[in-house]
Amino acid sequence: MSEIDVKAAVQEKYGQAALRVRSQAGSCCGASAARGASNPITSDHYDDSETGALPEAAVLASLGCGNPTALARLEPGETVLDLGSGGGIDVLLSARRVGPNGKAYGLDMTDEMLALARENQRKAGVENVEFLKGEIEDIPLPDGCVDVVISNCVINLSGDKDRVLREAFRVLKPGGRFAVSDVVTRGEVPAPIRKDILLWVGCIAGALEDIEYAEKLATAGFEAISIEPTRVYDVEDAREFLNGKGIDVDALAPQVDGKFMSAFVRAVKPINRLK
């Protein structure tokens, strides 16, 4: 599939997700409906202590595979960029961690998600946040302007991951940190899954093998690269996310058992590198 096809499918899916969240938020069954629609990749990543002060819509719109803000070790006064910020949950949590002297940027290409995120920012009363429209392959920020790049199950959706990683490297300050949650694979993945665009936009088909992910980070210029699995998906998880996708679940589920995982991907921009 072409990069254009992938991008259009991702925009459509996440635009619809934002509209769905708007219709659920504030209803008597909004949260339960969202939980019922969850899958083993995107559920149960935040503690109530983190989400309690956030707008309901920010929590309902969380479609990530981890909690990068908790793992990035953000410090007061730092500047953070979230690639593919969606409804804004990780941006708002980051803004809390970096404090009033820091700043959190959110970047998203989907108008509906940006509108939702800005509404969530307003409801949360957070000042040190800015949501930008753009693509993660072409970040609309200058060189060397952020301390930390985070992302939550978004880079795997890109059709040009090399460019995403180069852009992340570019906007980081020397010594800056790349700290993302993403879906990665280990071992060969069946071709029917790789080619299915519905699974691509569901954070499955576009996942990189862990070794390849590390190689791409190194090629972009990063060092101190590590990939730490946070959850390995078993055959029953595979059945859940393959069901209803027009795929022979019984035939393929055993072939993907243990091959997909959520992982925390870390890397550092060398101090002696300016670009």
Protein backbone atom coordinates (compact mmCIF):
# COMPACT_ATOMS: atom_id res chain seq x y z
CA MET A 1 0.00 0.00 0.00
CA SER A 2 1.21 3.52 -0.70
CA GLU A 3 2.12 6.09 1.94
CA ILE A 4 -0.82 8.20 0.71
CA ASP A 5 -3.27 5.31 1.21
CA VAL A 6 -1.99 4.69 4.73
CA LYS A 7 -2.21 8.37 5.65
CA ALA A 8 -5.77 8.71 4.34
CA ALA A 9 -6.89 5.59 6.21
CA VAL A 10 -5.30 6.80 9.44
CA GLN A 11 -6.93 10.23 9.14
CA GLU A 12 -10.33 8.71 8.49
CA LYS A 13 -10.13 6.28 11.39
CA TYR A 14 -8.90 8.78 13.98
CA GLY A 15 -11.20 11.51 12.77
CA GLN A 16 -14.14 9.17 13.32
CA ALA A 17 -12.73 8.22 16.72
CA ALA A 18 -12.65 11.87 17.79
CA LEU A 19 -16.26 12.39 16.73
CA ARG A 20 -17.28 9.22 18.58
CA VAL A 21 -15.58 10.44 21.76
CA ARG A 22 -17.40 13.76 21.54
CA SER A 23 -20.72 11.94 21.37
CA GLN A 24 -19.84 9.67 24.31
CA ALA A 25 -18.29 12.20 26.68
CA GLY A 26 -20.76 13.41 29.27
CA SER A 27 -23.28 10.66 28.57
CA CYS A 28 -24.32 8.22 31.28
CA CYS A 29 -22.65 5.35 29.46
CA GLY A 30 -19.72 7.13 27.78
CA ALA A 31 -16.90 5.59 29.78
CA SER A 32 -18.40 2.13 29.77
CA ALA A 33 -18.99 2.31 26.03
CA ALA A 34 -15.38 3.25 25.47
CA ARG A 35 -14.19 0.40 27.66
CA GLY A 36 -16.38 -2.00 25.77
CA ALA A 37 -14.80 -0.89 22.49
CA SER A 38 -11.25 -1.26 23.81
CA ASN A 39 -8.78 -3.86 22.63
CA PRO A 40 -5.80 -5.53 24.31
CA ILE A 41 -3.40 -3.01 22.76
CA THR A 42 -5.07 0.27 23.74
CA SER A 43 -6.55 -0.43 27.18
CA ASP A 44 -5.52 0.05 30.83
CA HIS A 45 -2.37 2.18 30.60
CA TYR A 46 -3.13 5.01 33.04
CA ASP A 47 -3.73 5.11 36.79
CA ASP A 48 -6.79 6.87 38.16
CA SER A 49 -4.40 9.22 39.98
CA GLU A 50 -3.18 10.46 36.58
CA THR A 51 -6.52 10.73 34.80
CA GLY A 52 -8.66 11.97 37.68
CA ALA A 53 -7.96 15.64 36.96
CA LEU A 54 -8.35 15.32 33.17
CA PRO A 55 -11.48 15.91 31.09
CA GLU A 56 -13.42 12.72 30.39
CA ALA A 57 -13.00 13.19 26.63
CA ALA A 58 -9.21 13.18 26.94
CA VAL A 59 -9.34 9.81 28.67
CA LEU A 60 -11.90 8.33 26.27
CA ALA A 61 -9.79 9.41 23.28
CA SER A 62 -6.71 7.57 24.49
CA LEU A 63 -5.87 5.04 21.77
CA GLY A 64 -2.23 4.41 22.62
CA CYS A 65 -0.37 1.27 23.61
CA GLY A 66 1.38 2.56 26.72
CA ASN A 67 2.05 5.54 28.96
CA PRO A 68 5.13 7.35 27.63
CA THR A 69 4.73 10.28 30.02
CA ALA A 70 5.26 8.00 33.00
CA LEU A 71 8.33 6.38 31.48
CA ALA A 72 10.04 9.42 29.95
CA ARG A 73 11.23 10.81 33.31
CA LEU A 74 10.16 14.33 32.47
CA GLU A 75 11.74 17.11 34.51
CA PRO A 76 10.37 20.55 35.48
CA GLY A 77 11.16 23.17 32.87
CA GLU A 78 11.60 20.75 29.95
CA THR A 79 9.98 21.09 26.53
CA VAL A 80 8.14 17.99 25.29
CA LEU A 81 6.73 17.09 21.88
CA ASP A 82 4.09 14.38 21.45
CA LEU A 83 3.98 12.94 17.93
CA GLY A 84 0.39 12.08 17.00
CA SER A 85 -1.15 13.64 20.09
CA GLY A 86 -4.78 12.67 19.40
CA GLY A 87 -7.16 13.86 22.11
CA GLY A 88 -4.28 15.25 24.13
CA ILE A 89 -4.01 12.95 27.15
CA ASP A 90 -0.21 12.57 27.00
CA VAL A 91 0.30 16.28 26.26
CA LEU A 92 -1.79 17.29 29.27
CA LEU A 93 -0.02 14.79 31.52
CA SER A 94 3.35 16.01 30.21
CA ALA A 95 2.42 19.63 30.85
CA ARG A 96 1.70 18.74 34.47
CA ARG A 97 5.07 17.04 34.84
CA VAL A 98 7.20 19.81 33.26
CA GLY A 99 5.39 22.49 35.22
CA PRO A 100 4.67 26.13 34.39
CA ASN A 101 8.26 26.79 33.30
CA GLY A 102 8.13 23.92 30.79
CA LYS A 103 6.06 23.41 27.67
CA ALA A 104 4.26 20.53 25.97
CA TYR A 105 3.55 20.48 22.24
CA GLY A 106 1.09 18.11 20.62
CA LEU A 107 1.30 17.39 16.88
CA ASP A 108 -1.55 15.81 14.94
CA MET A 109 -2.74 15.83 11.32
CA THR A 110 -6.42 15.19 12.02
CA ASP A 111 -8.67 18.26 12.40
CA GLU A 112 -11.22 16.44 14.54
CA MET A 113 -8.58 15.25 17.01
CA LEU A 114 -6.99 18.70 17.20
CA ALA A 115 -10.37 20.28 17.94
CA LEU A 116 -10.98 17.68 20.65
CA ALA A 117 -7.51 18.18 22.14
CA ARG A 118 -7.88 21.97 22.28
CA GLU A 119 -11.27 21.59 23.93
CA ASN A 120 -9.71 19.23 26.49
CA GLN A 121 -6.94 21.75 27.12
CA ARG A 122 -9.51 24.46 27.74
CA LYS A 123 -11.48 22.26 30.14
CA ALA A 124 -8.31 21.27 31.99
CA GLY A 125 -7.23 24.90 32.30
CA VAL A 126 -3.67 24.09 31.21
CA GLU A 127 -1.67 27.05 29.87
CA ASN A 128 1.73 25.55 28.95
CA VAL A 129 0.39 23.51 26.00
CA GLU A 130 0.26 24.13 22.26
CA PHE A 131 -1.38 21.83 19.72
CA LEU A 132 0.04 22.00 16.20
CA LYS A 133 -1.42 20.74 12.95
CA GLY A 134 1.03 18.77 10.86
CA GLU A 135 2.49 15.41 9.99
CA ILE A 136 5.02 13.51 12.03
CA GLU A 137 7.11 13.09 8.87
CA ASP A 138 7.46 16.90 8.64
CA ILE A 139 7.43 18.40 12.13
CA PRO A 140 6.57 22.15 12.07
CA LEU A 141 9.18 23.12 14.68
CA PRO A 142 12.76 24.41 14.34
CA ASP A 143 15.92 22.39 14.87
CA GLY A 144 17.00 21.59 18.41
CA CYS A 145 14.02 23.04 20.24
CA VAL A 146 12.69 20.19 22.42
CA ASP A 147 14.15 18.14 25.25
CA VAL A 148 11.98 15.06 24.86
CA VAL A 149 10.03 13.49 21.99
CA ILE A 150 7.25 11.15 23.08
CA SER A 151 4.64 9.24 21.10
CA ASN A 152 2.00 6.68 21.92
CA CYS A 153 1.38 3.94 19.34
CA VAL A 154 1.62 6.34 16.38
CA ILE A 155 5.00 5.89 14.70
CA ASN A 156 3.98 2.37 13.62
CA LEU A 157 1.16 3.99 11.61
CA SER A 158 3.52 5.99 9.41
CA GLY A 159 4.35 4.84 5.91
CA ASP A 160 7.78 6.52 6.14
CA LYS A 161 9.22 5.70 9.54
CA ASP A 162 12.78 6.64 8.55
CA ARG A 163 11.63 10.18 7.91
CA VAL A 164 9.75 10.32 11.21
CA LEU A 165 12.87 9.29 13.13
CA ARG A 166 15.04 11.78 11.24
CA GLU A 167 12.57 14.55 12.06
CA ALA A 168 12.46 13.54 15.74
CA PHE A 169 16.27 13.65 15.80
CA ARG A 170 16.28 17.07 14.13
CA VAL A 171 13.97 18.82 16.59
CA LEU A 172 15.67 17.38 19.67
CA LYS A 173 18.32 19.36 21.47
CA PRO A 174 21.76 17.73 21.79
CA GLY A 175 21.38 15.24 24.62
CA GLY A 176 17.60 15.17 24.06
CA ARG A 177 15.62 12.01 24.65
CA PHE A 178 13.38 9.91 22.39
CA ALA A 179 10.90 8.06 24.63
CA VAL A 180 7.93 6.45 22.89
CA SER A 181 5.46 3.66 23.42
CA ASP A 182 4.90 1.65 20.26
CA VAL A 183 3.88 -1.75 18.94
CA VAL A 184 6.81 -3.85 17.72
CA THR A 185 7.20 -7.41 16.47
CA ARG A 186 9.64 -10.27 16.94
CA GLY A 187 10.01 -12.79 14.16
CA GLU A 188 8.21 -13.12 10.84
CA VAL A 189 4.62 -11.85 10.61
CA PRO A 190 2.17 -13.46 8.14
CA ALA A 191 1.75 -11.51 4.90
CA PRO A 192 -2.08 -11.27 5.15
CA ILE A 193 -1.66 -9.19 8.29
CA ARG A 194 1.09 -7.01 6.86
CA LYS A 195 -0.93 -6.07 3.78
CA ASP A 196 -4.29 -5.40 5.45
CA ILE A 197 -4.83 -1.64 5.76
CA LEU A 198 -7.47 -2.07 8.46
CA LEU A 199 -4.91 -3.76 10.64
CA TRP A 200 -2.34 -1.10 9.71
CA VAL A 201 -4.49 1.65 11.17
CA GLY A 202 -5.19 -0.60 14.14
CA CYS A 203 -1.52 -0.51 15.22
CA ILE A 204 -0.70 -4.01 14.00
CA ALA A 205 0.32 -4.34 10.34
CA GLY A 206 2.66 -1.34 10.35
CA ALA A 207 4.67 -2.45 13.39
CA LEU A 208 8.43 -2.75 12.92
CA GLU A 209 10.45 -5.71 14.07
CA ASP A 210 12.39 -4.69 17.19
CA ILE A 211 15.77 -5.21 15.50
CA GLU A 212 14.74 -3.08 12.51
CA TYR A 213 13.40 -0.34 14.80
CA ALA A 214 16.76 -0.14 16.57
CA GLU A 215 18.62 -0.06 13.23
CA LYS A 216 16.45 2.79 11.95
CA LEU A 217 17.06 4.79 15.13
CA ALA A 218 20.81 4.30 14.77
CA THR A 219 20.68 5.35 11.11
CA ALA A 220 18.85 8.53 12.12
CA GLY A 221 21.76 9.32 14.47
CA PHE A 222 20.49 8.15 17.85
CA GLU A 223 22.54 6.31 20.46
CA ALA A 224 21.81 4.53 23.77
CA ILE A 225 18.96 2.70 22.01
CA SER A 226 16.82 0.25 23.98
CA ILE A 227 13.52 -1.51 23.35
CA GLU A 228 11.78 -2.79 26.46
CA PRO A 229 8.65 -4.95 26.02
CA THR A 230 5.84 -3.87 28.32
CA ARG A 231 3.25 -6.41 27.17
CA VAL A 232 3.54 -9.42 24.88
CA TYR A 233 0.28 -10.39 23.16
CA ASP A 234 -0.70 -14.04 23.30
CA VAL A 235 -2.93 -16.09 21.03
CA GLU A 236 -6.15 -14.98 22.76
CA ASP A 237 -5.17 -11.33 22.33
CA ALA A 238 -4.48 -12.15 18.67
CA ARG A 239 -7.96 -13.59 18.29
CA GLU A 240 -9.46 -10.43 19.75
CA PHE A 241 -7.73 -7.96 17.46
CA LEU A 242 -8.04 -10.14 14.33
CA ASN A 243 -11.73 -10.91 14.81
CA GLY A 244 -14.04 -9.18 12.32
CA LYS A 245 -11.20 -8.16 9.99
CA GLY A 246 -12.06 -10.66 7.25
CA ILE A 247 -9.12 -12.86 8.20
CA ASP A 248 -9.07 -16.58 9.00
CA VAL A 249 -8.56 -16.12 12.74
CA ASP A 250 -8.11 -19.80 13.53
CA ALA A 251 -5.38 -20.14 10.91
CA LEU A 252 -3.47 -16.96 11.70
CA ALA A 253 -3.84 -16.45 15.45
CA PRO A 254 -1.36 -19.21 16.39
CA GLN A 255 1.13 -17.72 13.90
CA VAL A 256 1.14 -14.33 15.64
CA ASP A 257 1.10 -15.66 19.21
CA GLY A 258 3.85 -13.85 21.10
CA LYS A 259 5.11 -11.95 18.04
CA PHE A 260 3.40 -8.61 18.72
CA MET A 261 4.18 -6.56 21.79
CA SER A 262 3.83 -3.10 23.22
CA ALA A 263 7.24 -1.72 24.03
CA PHE A 264 8.92 1.35 25.43
CA VAL A 265 11.49 2.58 22.93
CA ARG A 266 14.27 4.81 24.24
CA ALA A 267 17.13 6.60 22.50
CA VAL A 268 19.29 9.70 22.98
CA LYS A 269 20.56 12.37 20.59
CA PRO A 270 24.35 12.64 21.10
CA ILE A 271 25.45 15.79 22.89
CA ASN A 272 27.91 16.68 20.11
CA ARG A 273 25.24 16.58 17.37
CA LEU A 274 23.44 19.82 16.46
CA LYS A 275 21.24 18.43 13.67
